[in-house]
Amino acid sequence: MPDACSLPTAERPLRLAEFDQFFRDAVRGADRLSTQHLRLQLDGADQVEQTARDLTARESSCCSFFTFDIARPDSNSLTLDVRVPAEHVGVLDALAQRAVRVQQ
């Protein structure tokens, strides 16, 4: 797989809107654990987990440089870890900024 985004240009605004909606609805906090690693604290609802799994699976299929890990530390919480290789830190920076901005 190419180490770049292969999502057709026409579909990118729609995907971005999906992420913005997900951030608004589900993200409760964001921690930048390193330049290449972002952890999002999510609402622990089952529907949030389903949405996160669907959205990250679709994003991984077109942007192979992302690594997404979803974990449930306890029954009421959910985390989404997002990692990128060093050459894609700028993409992670933009994602982190969006996640924080839509919460404000």
N, C-alpha and C. Protein backbone atom coordinates (compact mmCIF):
# COMPACT_ATOMS: atom_id res chain seq x y z
N MET A 1 0.84 -1.19 0.00
CA MET A 1 0.00 0.00 0.00
C MET A 1 0.88 1.24 0.00
N PRO A 2 0.45 2.28 -0.70
CA PRO A 2 1.22 3.51 -0.70
C PRO A 2 1.17 4.17 0.68
N ASP A 3 2.25 4.86 1.03
CA ASP A 3 2.33 5.54 2.31
C ASP A 3 1.81 6.97 2.16
N ALA A 4 0.61 7.09 1.62
CA ALA A 4 -0.02 8.39 1.39
C ALA A 4 -1.53 8.19 1.39
N CYS A 5 -2.25 9.29 1.34
CA CYS A 5 -3.70 9.22 1.31
C CYS A 5 -4.18 8.93 -0.10
N SER A 6 -4.99 7.91 -0.25
CA SER A 6 -5.52 7.58 -1.57
C SER A 6 -7.02 7.87 -1.68
N LEU A 7 -7.57 8.55 -0.68
CA LEU A 7 -8.99 8.92 -0.75
C LEU A 7 -9.17 9.92 -1.88
N PRO A 8 -10.12 9.68 -2.77
CA PRO A 8 -10.34 10.63 -3.87
C PRO A 8 -10.59 12.04 -3.33
N THR A 9 -10.04 13.01 -4.00
CA THR A 9 -10.12 14.40 -3.58
C THR A 9 -11.56 14.83 -3.31
N ALA A 10 -12.47 14.42 -4.14
CA ALA A 10 -13.88 14.82 -3.98
C ALA A 10 -14.49 14.29 -2.69
N GLU A 11 -13.97 13.20 -2.16
CA GLU A 11 -14.52 12.61 -0.93
C GLU A 11 -13.88 13.15 0.34
N ARG A 12 -12.78 13.86 0.22
CA ARG A 12 -12.06 14.33 1.40
C ARG A 12 -12.87 15.29 2.27
N PRO A 13 -13.59 16.26 1.70
CA PRO A 13 -14.40 17.13 2.58
C PRO A 13 -15.46 16.36 3.37
N LEU A 14 -16.02 15.32 2.76
CA LEU A 14 -17.03 14.52 3.46
C LEU A 14 -16.41 13.77 4.63
N ARG A 15 -15.22 13.19 4.42
CA ARG A 15 -14.53 12.47 5.49
C ARG A 15 -14.14 13.42 6.61
N LEU A 16 -13.68 14.60 6.23
CA LEU A 16 -13.30 15.61 7.23
C LEU A 16 -14.52 16.00 8.06
N ALA A 17 -15.66 16.15 7.42
CA ALA A 17 -16.89 16.47 8.13
C ALA A 17 -17.28 15.34 9.08
N GLU A 18 -17.07 14.09 8.66
CA GLU A 18 -17.35 12.96 9.54
C GLU A 18 -16.47 13.00 10.79
N PHE A 19 -15.17 13.28 10.59
CA PHE A 19 -14.27 13.38 11.73
C PHE A 19 -14.69 14.53 12.64
N ASP A 20 -15.02 15.68 12.08
CA ASP A 20 -15.44 16.82 12.90
C ASP A 20 -16.67 16.46 13.74
N GLN A 21 -17.64 15.80 13.12
CA GLN A 21 -18.84 15.40 13.86
C GLN A 21 -18.49 14.40 14.96
N PHE A 22 -17.65 13.44 14.64
CA PHE A 22 -17.21 12.46 15.64
C PHE A 22 -16.50 13.17 16.80
N PHE A 23 -15.61 14.11 16.49
CA PHE A 23 -14.91 14.85 17.53
C PHE A 23 -15.90 15.60 18.42
N ARG A 24 -16.87 16.26 17.81
CA ARG A 24 -17.87 17.01 18.58
C ARG A 24 -18.68 16.09 19.49
N ASP A 25 -19.11 14.96 18.94
CA ASP A 25 -20.00 14.07 19.66
C ASP A 25 -19.31 13.18 20.69
N ALA A 26 -18.07 12.79 20.42
CA ALA A 26 -17.48 11.70 21.20
C ALA A 26 -16.23 12.04 22.00
N VAL A 27 -15.45 13.01 21.57
CA VAL A 27 -14.17 13.27 22.23
C VAL A 27 -14.38 14.07 23.51
N ARG A 28 -13.80 13.56 24.59
CA ARG A 28 -13.90 14.20 25.90
C ARG A 28 -12.57 14.79 26.34
N GLY A 29 -11.49 14.46 25.64
CA GLY A 29 -10.18 14.99 25.97
C GLY A 29 -9.16 14.48 24.98
N ALA A 30 -8.02 15.19 24.90
CA ALA A 30 -6.96 14.81 23.98
C ALA A 30 -5.62 15.00 24.67
N ASP A 31 -4.75 14.01 24.52
CA ASP A 31 -3.40 14.07 25.08
C ASP A 31 -2.41 13.75 23.98
N ARG A 32 -1.44 14.61 23.82
CA ARG A 32 -0.37 14.36 22.84
C ARG A 32 0.74 13.66 23.61
N LEU A 33 0.84 12.35 23.45
CA LEU A 33 1.80 11.54 24.20
C LEU A 33 3.20 11.65 23.63
N SER A 34 3.29 11.94 22.34
CA SER A 34 4.58 12.20 21.69
C SER A 34 4.26 12.90 20.37
N THR A 35 5.28 13.29 19.63
CA THR A 35 5.02 13.95 18.35
C THR A 35 4.27 13.04 17.38
N GLN A 36 4.43 11.74 17.56
CA GLN A 36 3.82 10.77 16.65
C GLN A 36 2.62 10.03 17.24
N HIS A 37 2.17 10.44 18.43
CA HIS A 37 1.14 9.68 19.12
C HIS A 37 0.15 10.63 19.81
N LEU A 38 -1.11 10.49 19.42
CA LEU A 38 -2.21 11.25 20.01
C LEU A 38 -3.17 10.27 20.66
N ARG A 39 -3.60 10.57 21.88
CA ARG A 39 -4.62 9.74 22.53
C ARG A 39 -5.85 10.60 22.77
N LEU A 40 -6.98 10.12 22.28
CA LEU A 40 -8.26 10.78 22.49
C LEU A 40 -9.07 10.00 23.51
N GLN A 41 -9.59 10.71 24.51
CA GLN A 41 -10.52 10.10 25.47
C GLN A 41 -11.91 10.28 24.89
N LEU A 42 -12.62 9.17 24.79
CA LEU A 42 -13.94 9.19 24.15
C LEU A 42 -15.04 8.89 25.14
N ASP A 43 -16.22 9.33 24.81
CA ASP A 43 -17.43 8.91 25.51
C ASP A 43 -17.45 7.38 25.46
N GLY A 44 -17.81 6.74 26.54
CA GLY A 44 -17.74 5.28 26.61
C GLY A 44 -18.93 4.53 26.04
N ALA A 45 -19.85 5.19 25.40
CA ALA A 45 -21.05 4.53 24.87
C ALA A 45 -20.69 3.52 23.78
N ASP A 46 -21.45 2.44 23.72
CA ASP A 46 -21.22 1.41 22.71
C ASP A 46 -21.29 1.98 21.30
N GLN A 47 -22.23 2.89 21.05
CA GLN A 47 -22.37 3.48 19.71
C GLN A 47 -21.12 4.26 19.33
N VAL A 48 -20.51 4.92 20.31
CA VAL A 48 -19.27 5.66 20.03
C VAL A 48 -18.18 4.69 19.59
N GLU A 49 -18.09 3.56 20.26
CA GLU A 49 -17.08 2.58 19.87
C GLU A 49 -17.34 2.06 18.46
N GLN A 50 -18.57 1.79 18.13
CA GLN A 50 -18.91 1.32 16.79
C GLN A 50 -18.56 2.37 15.74
N THR A 51 -18.90 3.61 16.01
CA THR A 51 -18.58 4.70 15.08
C THR A 51 -17.08 4.85 14.93
N ALA A 52 -16.35 4.81 16.04
CA ALA A 52 -14.89 4.94 16.00
C ALA A 52 -14.27 3.81 15.18
N ARG A 53 -14.73 2.61 15.37
CA ARG A 53 -14.18 1.47 14.62
C ARG A 53 -14.48 1.59 13.12
N ASP A 54 -15.68 2.01 12.79
CA ASP A 54 -16.04 2.18 11.38
C ASP A 54 -15.22 3.29 10.73
N LEU A 55 -15.16 4.45 11.38
CA LEU A 55 -14.46 5.59 10.81
C LEU A 55 -12.96 5.32 10.68
N THR A 56 -12.36 4.74 11.69
CA THR A 56 -10.91 4.48 11.63
C THR A 56 -10.58 3.37 10.63
N ALA A 57 -11.47 2.40 10.47
CA ALA A 57 -11.23 1.35 9.47
C ALA A 57 -11.26 1.94 8.06
N ARG A 58 -12.22 2.81 7.81
CA ARG A 58 -12.29 3.44 6.50
C ARG A 58 -11.10 4.36 6.25
N GLU A 59 -10.67 5.07 7.29
CA GLU A 59 -9.52 5.97 7.14
C GLU A 59 -8.23 5.16 6.92
N SER A 60 -8.09 4.06 7.61
CA SER A 60 -6.90 3.20 7.44
C SER A 60 -6.83 2.62 6.04
N SER A 61 -7.99 2.38 5.44
CA SER A 61 -7.99 1.78 4.11
C SER A 61 -7.48 2.73 3.04
N CYS A 62 -7.56 4.03 3.29
CA CYS A 62 -7.10 4.98 2.28
C CYS A 62 -5.84 5.74 2.71
N CYS A 63 -5.57 5.77 3.99
CA CYS A 63 -4.38 6.46 4.52
C CYS A 63 -3.61 5.45 5.38
N SER A 64 -2.82 4.64 4.72
CA SER A 64 -2.18 3.51 5.37
C SER A 64 -1.14 3.90 6.41
N PHE A 65 -0.74 5.16 6.44
CA PHE A 65 0.27 5.57 7.41
C PHE A 65 -0.30 5.72 8.82
N PHE A 66 -1.63 5.79 8.96
CA PHE A 66 -2.26 5.88 10.28
C PHE A 66 -2.29 4.51 10.95
N THR A 67 -2.05 4.50 12.26
CA THR A 67 -2.31 3.34 13.09
C THR A 67 -3.31 3.78 14.14
N PHE A 68 -4.45 3.12 14.19
CA PHE A 68 -5.49 3.43 15.16
C PHE A 68 -5.66 2.25 16.10
N ASP A 69 -5.72 2.54 17.39
CA ASP A 69 -5.98 1.50 18.40
C ASP A 69 -7.09 2.00 19.31
N ILE A 70 -8.13 1.20 19.45
CA ILE A 70 -9.25 1.53 20.31
C ILE A 70 -9.21 0.60 21.51
N ALA A 71 -9.30 1.18 22.70
CA ALA A 71 -9.25 0.37 23.92
C ALA A 71 -10.34 0.83 24.88
N ARG A 72 -10.76 -0.10 25.70
CA ARG A 72 -11.76 0.18 26.72
C ARG A 72 -11.12 -0.12 28.09
N PRO A 73 -10.47 0.90 28.69
CA PRO A 73 -9.80 0.69 29.98
C PRO A 73 -10.75 0.21 31.08
N ASP A 74 -12.00 0.66 31.04
CA ASP A 74 -13.03 0.18 31.95
C ASP A 74 -14.38 0.32 31.24
N SER A 75 -15.44 -0.09 31.88
CA SER A 75 -16.74 -0.12 31.20
C SER A 75 -17.29 1.25 30.83
N ASN A 76 -16.76 2.31 31.45
CA ASN A 76 -17.29 3.65 31.19
C ASN A 76 -16.39 4.53 30.34
N SER A 77 -15.26 4.01 29.93
CA SER A 77 -14.35 4.86 29.16
C SER A 77 -13.82 4.13 27.94
N LEU A 78 -13.37 4.94 27.00
CA LEU A 78 -12.88 4.44 25.73
C LEU A 78 -11.76 5.36 25.29
N THR A 79 -10.69 4.80 24.73
CA THR A 79 -9.61 5.63 24.20
C THR A 79 -9.36 5.26 22.75
N LEU A 80 -8.93 6.25 22.01
CA LEU A 80 -8.52 6.07 20.63
C LEU A 80 -7.10 6.60 20.51
N ASP A 81 -6.16 5.70 20.27
CA ASP A 81 -4.77 6.09 20.05
C ASP A 81 -4.53 6.20 18.56
N VAL A 82 -3.93 7.31 18.15
CA VAL A 82 -3.63 7.56 16.75
C VAL A 82 -2.12 7.76 16.65
N ARG A 83 -1.49 6.94 15.81
CA ARG A 83 -0.04 7.05 15.61
C ARG A 83 0.25 7.21 14.13
N VAL A 84 1.35 7.94 13.86
CA VAL A 84 1.82 8.13 12.49
C VAL A 84 3.35 8.03 12.50
N PRO A 85 3.93 7.68 11.35
CA PRO A 85 5.39 7.73 11.25
C PRO A 85 5.86 9.18 11.23
N ALA A 86 7.13 9.37 11.50
CA ALA A 86 7.71 10.72 11.62
C ALA A 86 7.40 11.61 10.42
N GLU A 87 7.40 11.07 9.23
CA GLU A 87 7.19 11.89 8.04
C GLU A 87 5.74 12.39 7.91
N HIS A 88 4.83 11.91 8.77
CA HIS A 88 3.43 12.34 8.71
C HIS A 88 2.97 13.05 9.98
N VAL A 89 3.92 13.56 10.76
CA VAL A 89 3.58 14.28 11.99
C VAL A 89 2.68 15.48 11.69
N GLY A 90 2.88 16.14 10.59
CA GLY A 90 2.05 17.29 10.22
C GLY A 90 0.58 16.91 10.09
N VAL A 91 0.30 15.73 9.59
CA VAL A 91 -1.08 15.26 9.47
C VAL A 91 -1.67 15.03 10.86
N LEU A 92 -0.87 14.44 11.76
CA LEU A 92 -1.34 14.22 13.12
C LEU A 92 -1.54 15.56 13.84
N ASP A 93 -0.66 16.52 13.60
CA ASP A 93 -0.83 17.86 14.17
C ASP A 93 -2.18 18.44 13.77
N ALA A 94 -2.51 18.35 12.50
CA ALA A 94 -3.77 18.90 12.00
C ALA A 94 -4.97 18.17 12.61
N LEU A 95 -4.88 16.85 12.74
CA LEU A 95 -5.95 16.07 13.33
C LEU A 95 -6.14 16.46 14.80
N ALA A 96 -5.05 16.60 15.53
CA ALA A 96 -5.12 17.00 16.94
C ALA A 96 -5.74 18.38 17.08
N GLN A 97 -5.36 19.30 16.23
CA GLN A 97 -5.91 20.66 16.28
C GLN A 97 -7.41 20.64 16.04
N ARG A 98 -7.85 19.83 15.08
CA ARG A 98 -9.29 19.74 14.80
C ARG A 98 -10.04 19.15 15.99
N ALA A 99 -9.48 18.10 16.58
CA ALA A 99 -10.14 17.44 17.71
C ALA A 99 -10.33 18.40 18.88
N VAL A 100 -9.34 19.23 19.12
CA VAL A 100 -9.42 20.20 20.22
C VAL A 100 -10.33 21.37 19.85
N ARG A 101 -10.20 21.85 18.63
CA ARG A 101 -10.96 23.03 18.19
C ARG A 101 -12.47 22.79 18.21
N VAL A 102 -12.93 21.66 17.76
CA VAL A 102 -14.38 21.43 17.70
C VAL A 102 -14.98 21.24 19.09
N GLN A 103 -14.14 20.97 20.09
CA GLN A 103 -14.64 20.84 21.46
C GLN A 103 -14.87 22.20 22.10
N GLN A 104 -14.25 23.23 21.58
CA GLN A 104 -14.33 24.56 22.21
C GLN A 104 -15.61 25.26 21.86
